Amino acid sequence: MDKEKMKEEIMDALGEVNDPELGIDIVNLGLIYGVDIDDEGNVKVTMTLTAMGCPLAGMINGAVTEAVKRVEGVKDVEVNIVWDPPWTKDRMSRYAKIALGIQ
């Protein structure tokens, strides 16, 4: 499978991972900053959380890892949580803003 197709499938899988507090998936929330795939099928997901010190970080990290591992061709997954650039509501999709009642 080519990397672009794999990346699409990974993003689809990540779209099934919900932020437990907000009930919206992490893709629509704008928490995914990047997905890198090497030639061996190792995947690095660069993401952030809505708040530093989020008590559910471990749970979200585990859910991301499990979702990505289900994609065909993925060998290993590394989740890199970053705080720069900081997450803002501007990163949310229109769907997420409507679902949460944000203008």
PDB file of N, CA and C in Angstrom:
ATOM      1  N   MET A   1       0.853  -1.183   0.000  1.00  0.00           N
ATOM      2  CA  MET A   1       0.000   0.000   0.000  1.00  0.00           C
ATOM      3  C   MET A   1       0.898   1.246   0.000  1.00  0.00           C
ATOM      4  N   ASP A   2       0.530   2.221  -0.831  1.00  0.00           N
ATOM      5  CA  ASP A   2       1.359   3.423  -0.868  1.00  0.00           C
ATOM      6  C   ASP A   2       1.087   4.289   0.367  1.00  0.00           C
ATOM      7  N   LYS A   3       2.050   5.158   0.645  1.00  0.00           N
ATOM      8  CA  LYS A   3       1.985   5.951   1.879  1.00  0.00           C
ATOM      9  C   LYS A   3       0.782   6.886   1.930  1.00  0.00           C
ATOM     10  N   GLU A   4       0.394   7.449   0.783  1.00  0.00           N
ATOM     11  CA  GLU A   4      -0.758   8.363   0.781  1.00  0.00           C
ATOM     12  C   GLU A   4      -2.040   7.623   1.144  1.00  0.00           C
ATOM     13  N   LYS A   5      -2.204   6.429   0.566  1.00  0.00           N
ATOM     14  CA  LYS A   5      -3.390   5.609   0.869  1.00  0.00           C
ATOM     15  C   LYS A   5      -3.371   5.199   2.345  1.00  0.00           C
ATOM     16  N   MET A   6      -2.187   4.825   2.834  1.00  0.00           N
ATOM     17  CA  MET A   6      -2.059   4.428   4.238  1.00  0.00           C
ATOM     18  C   MET A   6      -2.376   5.610   5.150  1.00  0.00           C
ATOM     19  N   LYS A   7      -1.903   6.791   4.779  1.00  0.00           N
ATOM     20  CA  LYS A   7      -2.157   7.980   5.593  1.00  0.00           C
ATOM     21  C   LYS A   7      -3.657   8.283   5.648  1.00  0.00           C
ATOM     22  N   GLU A   8      -4.345   8.123   4.507  1.00  0.00           N
ATOM     23  CA  GLU A   8      -5.794   8.323   4.480  1.00  0.00           C
ATOM     24  C   GLU A   8      -6.484   7.356   5.438  1.00  0.00           C
ATOM     25  N   GLU A   9      -6.074   6.088   5.407  1.00  0.00           N
ATOM     26  CA  GLU A   9      -6.683   5.089   6.278  1.00  0.00           C
ATOM     27  C   GLU A   9      -6.374   5.372   7.749  1.00  0.00           C
ATOM     28  N   ILE A  10      -5.170   5.862   8.017  1.00  0.00           N
ATOM     29  CA  ILE A  10      -4.810   6.220   9.396  1.00  0.00           C
ATOM     30  C   ILE A  10      -5.673   7.389   9.879  1.00  0.00           C
ATOM     31  N   MET A  11      -5.849   8.398   9.028  1.00  0.00           N
ATOM     32  CA  MET A  11      -6.687   9.538   9.420  1.00  0.00           C
ATOM     33  C   MET A  11      -8.132   9.094   9.645  1.00  0.00           C
ATOM     34  N   ASP A  12      -8.623   8.161   8.808  1.00  0.00           N
ATOM     35  CA  ASP A  12      -9.972   7.623   9.013  1.00  0.00           C
ATOM     36  C   ASP A  12     -10.062   6.921  10.365  1.00  0.00           C
ATOM     37  N   ALA A  13      -9.025   6.121  10.685  1.00  0.00           N
ATOM     38  CA  ALA A  13      -9.003   5.401  11.967  1.00  0.00           C
ATOM     39  C   ALA A  13      -8.958   6.389  13.133  1.00  0.00           C
ATOM     40  N   LEU A  14      -8.163   7.450  12.988  1.00  0.00           N
ATOM     41  CA  LEU A  14      -8.072   8.463  14.046  1.00  0.00           C
ATOM     42  C   LEU A  14      -9.397   9.207  14.219  1.00  0.00           C
ATOM     43  N   GLY A  15     -10.161   9.275  13.147  1.00  0.00           N
ATOM     44  CA  GLY A  15     -11.472   9.909  13.210  1.00  0.00           C
ATOM     45  C   GLY A  15     -12.467   9.140  14.075  1.00  0.00           C
ATOM     46  N   GLU A  16     -12.102   7.924  14.443  1.00  0.00           N
ATOM     47  CA  GLU A  16     -12.958   7.120  15.318  1.00  0.00           C
ATOM     48  C   GLU A  16     -12.552   7.244  16.790  1.00  0.00           C
ATOM     49  N   VAL A  17     -11.472   7.999  17.061  1.00  0.00           N
ATOM     50  CA  VAL A  17     -11.015   8.194  18.439  1.00  0.00           C
ATOM     51  C   VAL A  17     -11.618   9.493  18.959  1.00  0.00           C
ATOM     52  N   ASN A  18     -12.470   9.367  19.972  1.00  0.00           N
ATOM     53  CA  ASN A  18     -13.126  10.552  20.539  1.00  0.00           C
ATOM     54  C   ASN A  18     -12.380  11.081  21.748  1.00  0.00           C
ATOM     55  N   ASP A  19     -12.404  12.398  21.895  1.00  0.00           N
ATOM     56  CA  ASP A  19     -11.954  13.021  23.135  1.00  0.00           C
ATOM     57  C   ASP A  19     -13.030  12.683  24.167  1.00  0.00           C
ATOM     58  N   PRO A  20     -12.666  11.968  25.241  1.00  0.00           N
ATOM     59  CA  PRO A  20     -13.682  11.517  26.195  1.00  0.00           C
ATOM     60  C   PRO A  20     -14.449  12.643  26.876  1.00  0.00           C
ATOM     61  N   GLU A  21     -13.841  13.786  27.040  1.00  0.00           N
ATOM     62  CA  GLU A  21     -14.523  14.903  27.709  1.00  0.00           C
ATOM     63  C   GLU A  21     -15.492  15.617  26.782  1.00  0.00           C
ATOM     64  N   LEU A  22     -15.091  15.785  25.511  1.00  0.00           N
ATOM     65  CA  LEU A  22     -15.900  16.563  24.579  1.00  0.00           C
ATOM     66  C   LEU A  22     -16.809  15.698  23.711  1.00  0.00           C
ATOM     67  N   GLY A  23     -16.498  14.411  23.568  1.00  0.00           N
ATOM     68  CA  GLY A  23     -17.328  13.523  22.760  1.00  0.00           C
ATOM     69  C   GLY A  23     -17.226  13.763  21.267  1.00  0.00           C
ATOM     70  N   ILE A  24     -16.179  14.445  20.846  1.00  0.00           N
ATOM     71  CA  ILE A  24     -15.931  14.717  19.428  1.00  0.00           C
ATOM     72  C   ILE A  24     -14.609  14.041  19.075  1.00  0.00           C
ATOM     73  N   ASP A  25     -14.502  13.559  17.830  1.00  0.00           N
ATOM     74  CA  ASP A  25     -13.264  12.873  17.464  1.00  0.00           C
ATOM     75  C   ASP A  25     -12.081  13.834  17.374  1.00  0.00           C
ATOM     76  N   ILE A  26     -10.899  13.272  17.588  1.00  0.00           N
ATOM     77  CA  ILE A  26      -9.682  14.081  17.684  1.00  0.00           C
ATOM     78  C   ILE A  26      -9.279  14.725  16.367  1.00  0.00           C
ATOM     79  N   VAL A  27      -9.747  14.166  15.237  1.00  0.00           N
ATOM     80  CA  VAL A  27      -9.444  14.781  13.938  1.00  0.00           C
ATOM     81  C   VAL A  27     -10.254  16.062  13.781  1.00  0.00           C
ATOM     82  N   ASN A  28     -11.565  15.991  14.027  1.00  0.00           N
ATOM     83  CA  ASN A  28     -12.406  17.182  13.911  1.00  0.00           C
ATOM     84  C   ASN A  28     -12.067  18.242  14.942  1.00  0.00           C
ATOM     85  N   LEU A  29     -11.519  17.812  16.076  1.00  0.00           N
ATOM     86  CA  LEU A  29     -11.089  18.788  17.083  1.00  0.00           C
ATOM     87  C   LEU A  29      -9.799  19.500  16.661  1.00  0.00           C
ATOM     88  N   GLY A  30      -9.115  18.985  15.646  1.00  0.00           N
ATOM     89  CA  GLY A  30      -7.876  19.607  15.190  1.00  0.00           C
ATOM     90  C   GLY A  30      -6.679  19.242  16.047  1.00  0.00           C
ATOM     91  N   LEU A  31      -6.748  18.100  16.724  1.00  0.00           N
ATOM     92  CA  LEU A  31      -5.654  17.696  17.609  1.00  0.00           C
ATOM     93  C   LEU A  31      -4.520  16.985  16.879  1.00  0.00           C
ATOM     94  N   ILE A  32      -4.760  16.520  15.660  1.00  0.00           N
ATOM     95  CA  ILE A  32      -3.724  15.820  14.895  1.00  0.00           C
ATOM     96  C   ILE A  32      -2.935  16.843  14.080  1.00  0.00           C
ATOM     97  N   TYR A  33      -1.654  16.934  14.384  1.00  0.00           N
ATOM     98  CA  TYR A  33      -0.793  17.884  13.675  1.00  0.00           C
ATOM     99  C   TYR A  33      -0.060  17.228  12.509  1.00  0.00           C
ATOM    100  N   GLY A  34       0.152  15.918  12.579  1.00  0.00           N
ATOM    101  CA  GLY A  34       0.848  15.267  11.478  1.00  0.00           C
ATOM    102  C   GLY A  34       0.917  13.761  11.649  1.00  0.00           C
ATOM    103  N   VAL A  35       1.025  13.072  10.505  1.00  0.00           N
ATOM    104  CA  VAL A  35       1.206  11.623  10.471  1.00  0.00           C
ATOM    105  C   VAL A  35       2.364  11.349   9.522  1.00  0.00           C
ATOM    106  N   ASP A  36       3.426  10.748  10.049  1.00  0.00           N
ATOM    107  CA  ASP A  36       4.592  10.405   9.234  1.00  0.00           C
ATOM    108  C   ASP A  36       4.740   8.891   9.187  1.00  0.00           C
ATOM    109  N   ILE A  37       5.001   8.371   7.999  1.00  0.00           N
ATOM    110  CA  ILE A  37       5.144   6.930   7.798  1.00  0.00           C
ATOM    111  C   ILE A  37       6.495   6.681   7.138  1.00  0.00           C
ATOM    112  N   ASP A  38       7.297   5.782   7.736  1.00  0.00           N
ATOM    113  CA  ASP A  38       8.574   5.458   7.089  1.00  0.00           C
ATOM    114  C   ASP A  38       8.383   4.252   6.157  1.00  0.00           C
ATOM    115  N   ASP A  39       9.442   3.855   5.479  1.00  0.00           N
ATOM    116  CA  ASP A  39       9.358   2.784   4.484  1.00  0.00           C
ATOM    117  C   ASP A  39       9.050   1.419   5.085  1.00  0.00           C
ATOM    118  N   GLU A  40       9.272   1.252   6.393  1.00  0.00           N
ATOM    119  CA  GLU A  40       9.001  -0.040   7.041  1.00  0.00           C
ATOM    120  C   GLU A  40       7.582  -0.130   7.600  1.00  0.00           C
ATOM    121  N   GLY A  41       6.825   0.954   7.539  1.00  0.00           N
ATOM    122  CA  GLY A  41       5.472   0.944   8.087  1.00  0.00           C
ATOM    123  C   GLY A  41       5.397   1.427   9.525  1.00  0.00           C
ATOM    124  N   ASN A  42       6.463   2.065  10.001  1.00  0.00           N
ATOM    125  CA  ASN A  42       6.444   2.684  11.328  1.00  0.00           C
ATOM    126  C   ASN A  42       5.763   4.044  11.199  1.00  0.00           C
ATOM    127  N   VAL A  43       4.838   4.314  12.099  1.00  0.00           N
ATOM    128  CA  VAL A  43       4.034   5.531  12.022  1.00  0.00           C
ATOM    129  C   VAL A  43       4.296   6.404  13.240  1.00  0.00           C
ATOM    130  N   LYS A  44       4.483   7.691  12.986  1.00  0.00           N
ATOM    131  CA  LYS A  44       4.622   8.665  14.064  1.00  0.00           C
ATOM    132  C   LYS A  44       3.464   9.651  13.934  1.00  0.00           C
ATOM    133  N   VAL A  45       2.633   9.701  14.976  1.00  0.00           N
ATOM    134  CA  VAL A  45       1.504  10.630  15.010  1.00  0.00           C
ATOM    135  C   VAL A  45       1.891  11.783  15.920  1.00  0.00           C
ATOM    136  N   THR A  46       1.924  12.982  15.361  1.00  0.00           N
ATOM    137  CA  THR A  46       2.196  14.180  16.152  1.00  0.00           C
ATOM    138  C   THR A  46       0.855  14.839  16.429  1.00  0.00           C
ATOM    139  N   MET A  47       0.580  15.025  17.715  1.00  0.00           N
ATOM    140  CA  MET A  47      -0.717  15.576  18.103  1.00  0.00           C
ATOM    141  C   MET A  47      -0.579  16.409  19.362  1.00  0.00           C
ATOM    142  N   THR A  48      -1.668  17.038  19.716  1.00  0.00           N
ATOM    143  CA  THR A  48      -1.723  17.792  20.955  1.00  0.00           C
ATOM    144  C   THR A  48      -2.994  17.398  21.684  1.00  0.00           C
ATOM    145  N   LEU A  49      -3.211  17.988  22.819  1.00  0.00           N
ATOM    146  CA  LEU A  49      -4.434  17.788  23.589  1.00  0.00           C
ATOM    147  C   LEU A  49      -5.065  19.153  23.812  1.00  0.00           C
ATOM    148  N   THR A  50      -6.335  19.159  24.202  1.00  0.00           N
ATOM    149  CA  THR A  50      -7.012  20.450  24.378  1.00  0.00           C
ATOM    150  C   THR A  50      -6.479  21.223  25.569  1.00  0.00           C
ATOM    151  N   ALA A  51      -5.868  20.521  26.536  1.00  0.00           N
ATOM    152  CA  ALA A  51      -5.323  21.206  27.707  1.00  0.00           C
ATOM    153  C   ALA A  51      -4.082  20.483  28.213  1.00  0.00           C
ATOM    154  N   MET A  52      -3.070  21.258  28.564  1.00  0.00           N
ATOM    155  CA  MET A  52      -1.865  20.682  29.151  1.00  0.00           C
ATOM    156  C   MET A  52      -2.243  20.044  30.489  1.00  0.00           C
ATOM    157  N   GLY A  53      -1.673  18.906  30.779  1.00  0.00           N
ATOM    158  CA  GLY A  53      -1.988  18.225  32.029  1.00  0.00           C
ATOM    159  C   GLY A  53      -3.322  17.510  31.982  1.00  0.00           C
ATOM    160  N   CYS A  54      -3.808  17.245  30.780  1.00  0.00           N
ATOM    161  CA  CYS A  54      -5.078  16.538  30.600  1.00  0.00           C
ATOM    162  C   CYS A  54      -5.005  15.185  31.308  1.00  0.00           C
ATOM    163  N   PRO A  55      -5.915  14.915  32.242  1.00  0.00           N
ATOM    164  CA  PRO A  55      -5.861  13.649  32.990  1.00  0.00           C
ATOM    165  C   PRO A  55      -6.141  12.433  32.121  1.00  0.00           C
ATOM    166  N   LEU A  56      -6.684  12.651  30.937  1.00  0.00           N
ATOM    167  CA  LEU A  56      -7.025  11.535  30.057  1.00  0.00           C
ATOM    168  C   LEU A  56      -5.982  11.313  28.966  1.00  0.00           C
ATOM    169  N   ALA A  57      -4.833  11.964  29.085  1.00  0.00           N
ATOM    170  CA  ALA A  57      -3.785  11.870  28.058  1.00  0.00           C
ATOM    171  C   ALA A  57      -3.386  10.423  27.792  1.00  0.00           C
ATOM    172  N   GLY A  58      -3.191   9.645  28.833  1.00  0.00           N
ATOM    173  CA  GLY A  58      -2.790   8.254  28.660  1.00  0.00           C
ATOM    174  C   GLY A  58      -3.836   7.443  27.935  1.00  0.00           C
ATOM    175  N   MET A  59      -5.098   7.690  28.266  1.00  0.00           N
ATOM    176  CA  MET A  59      -6.192   6.971  27.620  1.00  0.00           C
ATOM    177  C   MET A  59      -6.270   7.332  26.134  1.00  0.00           C
ATOM    178  N   ILE A  60      -6.146   8.614  25.817  1.00  0.00           N
ATOM    179  CA  ILE A  60      -6.196   9.064  24.421  1.00  0.00           C
ATOM    180  C   ILE A  60      -5.002   8.503  23.663  1.00  0.00           C
ATOM    181  N   ASN A  61      -3.822   8.558  24.265  1.00  0.00           N
ATOM    182  CA  ASN A  61      -2.607   8.022  23.656  1.00  0.00           C
ATOM    183  C   ASN A  61      -2.803   6.548  23.302  1.00  0.00           C
ATOM    184  N   GLY A  62      -3.346   5.771  24.231  1.00  0.00           N
ATOM    185  CA  GLY A  62      -3.596   4.351  23.993  1.00  0.00           C
ATOM    186  C   GLY A  62      -4.609   4.121  22.883  1.00  0.00           C
ATOM    187  N   ALA A  63      -5.669   4.927  22.865  1.00  0.00           N
ATOM    188  CA  ALA A  63      -6.704   4.793  21.833  1.00  0.00           C
ATOM    189  C   ALA A  63      -6.141   5.125  20.455  1.00  0.00           C
ATOM    190  N   VAL A  64      -5.284   6.149  20.370  1.00  0.00           N
ATOM    191  CA  VAL A  64      -4.643   6.520  19.104  1.00  0.00           C
ATOM    192  C   VAL A  64      -3.759   5.371  18.621  1.00  0.00           C
ATOM    193  N   THR A  65      -2.943   4.836  19.521  1.00  0.00           N
ATOM    194  CA  THR A  65      -2.045   3.730  19.160  1.00  0.00           C
ATOM    195  C   THR A  65      -2.839   2.546  18.640  1.00  0.00           C
ATOM    196  N   GLU A  66      -3.891   2.158  19.344  1.00  0.00           N
ATOM    197  CA  GLU A  66      -4.696   1.006  18.934  1.00  0.00           C
ATOM    198  C   GLU A  66      -5.382   1.249  17.587  1.00  0.00           C
ATOM    199  N   ALA A  67      -5.908   2.447  17.372  1.00  0.00           N
ATOM    200  CA  ALA A  67      -6.596   2.763  16.121  1.00  0.00           C
ATOM    201  C   ALA A  67      -5.633   2.671  14.944  1.00  0.00           C
ATOM    202  N   VAL A  68      -4.447   3.242  15.099  1.00  0.00           N
ATOM    203  CA  VAL A  68      -3.467   3.237  14.006  1.00  0.00           C
ATOM    204  C   VAL A  68      -2.962   1.822  13.731  1.00  0.00           C
ATOM    205  N   LYS A  69      -2.765   1.031  14.780  1.00  0.00           N
ATOM    206  CA  LYS A  69      -2.274  -0.344  14.595  1.00  0.00           C
ATOM    207  C   LYS A  69      -3.243  -1.218  13.808  1.00  0.00           C
ATOM    208  N   ARG A  70      -4.516  -0.856  13.791  1.00  0.00           N
ATOM    209  CA  ARG A  70      -5.508  -1.635  13.039  1.00  0.00           C
ATOM    210  C   ARG A  70      -5.395  -1.424  11.527  1.00  0.00           C
ATOM    211  N   VAL A  71      -4.690  -0.389  11.106  1.00  0.00           N
ATOM    212  CA  VAL A  71      -4.552  -0.113   9.678  1.00  0.00           C
ATOM    213  C   VAL A  71      -3.549  -1.101   9.066  1.00  0.00           C
ATOM    214  N   GLU A  72      -3.946  -1.675   7.947  1.00  0.00           N
ATOM    215  CA  GLU A  72      -3.094  -2.650   7.266  1.00  0.00           C
ATOM    216  C   GLU A  72      -1.754  -2.019   6.880  1.00  0.00           C
ATOM    217  N   GLY A  73      -0.673  -2.733   7.175  1.00  0.00           N
ATOM    218  CA  GLY A  73       0.657  -2.270   6.803  1.00  0.00           C
ATOM    219  C   GLY A  73       1.394  -1.527   7.899  1.00  0.00           C
ATOM    220  N   VAL A  74       0.687  -1.167   8.970  1.00  0.00           N
ATOM    221  CA  VAL A  74       1.329  -0.452  10.074  1.00  0.00           C
ATOM    222  C   VAL A  74       2.094  -1.452  10.932  1.00  0.00           C
ATOM    223  N   LYS A  75       3.379  -1.161  11.125  1.00  0.00           N
ATOM    224  CA  LYS A  75       4.226  -2.043  11.924  1.00  0.00           C
ATOM    225  C   LYS A  75       4.283  -1.587  13.378  1.00  0.00           C
ATOM    226  N   ASP A  76       4.599  -0.315  13.583  1.00  0.00           N
ATOM    227  CA  ASP A  76       4.731   0.223  14.937  1.00  0.00           C
ATOM    228  C   ASP A  76       4.179   1.645  14.955  1.00  0.00           C
ATOM    229  N   VAL A  77       3.761   2.089  16.134  1.00  0.00           N
ATOM    230  CA  VAL A  77       3.166   3.423  16.276  1.00  0.00           C
ATOM    231  C   VAL A  77       3.854   4.166  17.406  1.00  0.00           C
ATOM    232  N   GLU A  78       4.209   5.405  17.128  1.00  0.00           N
ATOM    233  CA  GLU A  78       4.731   6.310  18.159  1.00  0.00           C
ATOM    234  C   GLU A  78       3.807   7.518  18.188  1.00  0.00           C
ATOM    235  N   VAL A  79       3.334   7.866  19.379  1.00  0.00           N
ATOM    236  CA  VAL A  79       2.493   9.047  19.536  1.00  0.00           C
ATOM    237  C   VAL A  79       3.337  10.123  20.204  1.00  0.00           C
ATOM    238  N   ASN A  80       3.488  11.236  19.506  1.00  0.00           N
ATOM    239  CA  ASN A  80       4.295  12.344  20.005  1.00  0.00           C
ATOM    240  C   ASN A  80       3.348  13.493  20.363  1.00  0.00           C
ATOM    241  N   ILE A  81       3.166  13.737  21.657  1.00  0.00           N
ATOM    242  CA  ILE A  81       2.282  14.825  22.096  1.00  0.00           C
ATOM    243  C   ILE A  81       3.119  16.087  22.270  1.00  0.00           C
ATOM    244  N   VAL A  82       2.697  17.130  21.564  1.00  0.00           N
ATOM    245  CA  VAL A  82       3.422  18.403  21.589  1.00  0.00           C
ATOM    246  C   VAL A  82       2.501  19.516  22.079  1.00  0.00           C
ATOM    247  N   TRP A  83       3.120  20.589  22.541  1.00  0.00           N
ATOM    248  CA  TRP A  83       2.340  21.750  23.027  1.00  0.00           C
ATOM    249  C   TRP A  83       2.606  22.993  22.198  1.00  0.00           C
ATOM    250  N   ASP A  84       3.426  22.848  21.161  1.00  0.00           N
ATOM    251  CA  ASP A  84       3.758  23.979  20.303  1.00  0.00           C
ATOM    252  C   ASP A  84       3.592  23.543  18.860  1.00  0.00           C
ATOM    253  N   PRO A  85       2.684  24.115  18.086  1.00  0.00           N
ATOM    254  CA  PRO A  85       1.861  25.259  18.477  1.00  0.00           C
ATOM    255  C   PRO A  85       0.727  24.827  19.409  1.00  0.00           C
ATOM    256  N   PRO A  86       0.338  25.713  20.299  1.00  0.00           N
ATOM    257  CA  PRO A  86      -0.742  25.378  21.220  1.00  0.00           C
ATOM    258  C   PRO A  86      -2.066  25.209  20.468  1.00  0.00           C
ATOM    259  N   TRP A  87      -2.892  24.314  20.971  1.00  0.00           N
ATOM    260  CA  TRP A  87      -4.204  24.089  20.363  1.00  0.00           C
ATOM    261  C   TRP A  87      -5.120  25.255  20.690  1.00  0.00           C
ATOM    262  N   THR A  88      -5.904  25.657  19.698  1.00  0.00           N
ATOM    263  CA  THR A  88      -6.946  26.667  19.913  1.00  0.00           C
ATOM    264  C   THR A  88      -8.217  26.179  19.234  1.00  0.00           C
ATOM    265  N   LYS A  89      -9.321  26.781  19.576  1.00  0.00           N
ATOM    266  CA  LYS A  89     -10.602  26.408  18.967  1.00  0.00           C
ATOM    267  C   LYS A  89     -10.608  26.665  17.460  1.00  0.00           C
ATOM    268  N   ASP A  90      -9.714  27.503  16.980  1.00  0.00           N
ATOM    269  CA  ASP A  90      -9.630  27.781  15.544  1.00  0.00           C
ATOM    270  C   ASP A  90      -9.245  26.541  14.743  1.00  0.00           C
ATOM    271  N   ARG A  91      -8.608  25.565  15.388  1.00  0.00           N
ATOM    272  CA  ARG A  91      -8.178  24.343  14.702  1.00  0.00           C
ATOM    273  C   ARG A  91      -9.342  23.363  14.486  1.00  0.00           C
ATOM    274  N   MET A  92     -10.459  23.603  15.153  1.00  0.00           N
ATOM    275  CA  MET A  92     -11.606  22.699  15.054  1.00  0.00           C
ATOM    276  C   MET A  92     -12.286  22.814  13.698  1.00  0.00           C
ATOM    277  N   SER A  93     -12.827  21.696  13.226  1.00  0.00           N
ATOM    278  CA  SER A  93     -13.594  21.710  11.984  1.00  0.00           C
ATOM    279  C   SER A  93     -14.934  22.395  12.229  1.00  0.00           C
ATOM    280  N   ARG A  94     -15.592  22.747  11.151  1.00  0.00           N
ATOM    281  CA  ARG A  94     -16.916  23.366  11.248  1.00  0.00           C
ATOM    282  C   ARG A  94     -17.862  22.414  11.978  1.00  0.00           C
ATOM    283  N   TYR A  95     -17.760  21.126  11.659  1.00  0.00           N
ATOM    284  CA  TYR A  95     -18.604  20.109  12.311  1.00  0.00           C
ATOM    285  C   TYR A  95     -18.434  20.144  13.830  1.00  0.00           C
ATOM    286  N   ALA A  96     -17.180  20.164  14.297  1.00  0.00           N
ATOM    287  CA  ALA A  96     -16.914  20.154  15.738  1.00  0.00           C
ATOM    288  C   ALA A  96     -17.453  21.421  16.392  1.00  0.00           C
ATOM    289  N   LYS A  97     -17.274  22.562  15.731  1.00  0.00           N
ATOM    290  CA  LYS A  97     -17.770  23.823  16.299  1.00  0.00           C
ATOM    291  C   LYS A  97     -19.288  23.818  16.417  1.00  0.00           C
ATOM    292  N   ILE A  98     -19.973  23.283  15.399  1.00  0.00           N
ATOM    293  CA  ILE A  98     -21.430  23.205  15.443  1.00  0.00           C
ATOM    294  C   ILE A  98     -21.864  22.250  16.552  1.00  0.00           C
ATOM    295  N   ALA A  99     -21.206  21.085  16.627  1.00  0.00           N
ATOM    296  CA  ALA A  99     -21.572  20.078  17.624  1.00  0.00           C
ATOM    297  C   ALA A  99     -21.398  20.594  19.052  1.00  0.00           C
ATOM    298  N   LEU A 100     -20.413  21.471  19.251  1.00  0.00           N
ATOM    299  CA  LEU A 100     -20.157  22.001  20.574  1.00  0.00           C
ATOM    300  C   LEU A 100     -20.786  23.380  20.816  1.00  0.00           C
ATOM    301  N   GLY A 101     -21.499  23.892  19.792  1.00  0.00           N
ATOM    302  CA  GLY A 101     -22.171  25.174  19.948  1.00  0.00           C
ATOM    303  C   GLY A 101     -21.228  26.361  19.979  1.00  0.00           C
ATOM    304  N   ILE A 102     -20.109  26.248  19.253  1.00  0.00           N
ATOM    305  CA  ILE A 102     -19.113  27.324  19.206  1.00  0.00           C
ATOM    306  C   ILE A 102     -19.271  28.065  17.886  1.00  0.00           C
ATOM    307  N   GLN A 103     -19.278  29.385  17.966  1.00  0.00           N
ATOM    308  CA  GLN A 103     -19.411  30.191  16.744  1.00  0.00           C
ATOM    309  C   GLN A 103     -18.090  30.381  16.053  1.00  0.00           C
TER     310      GLN A 103
END
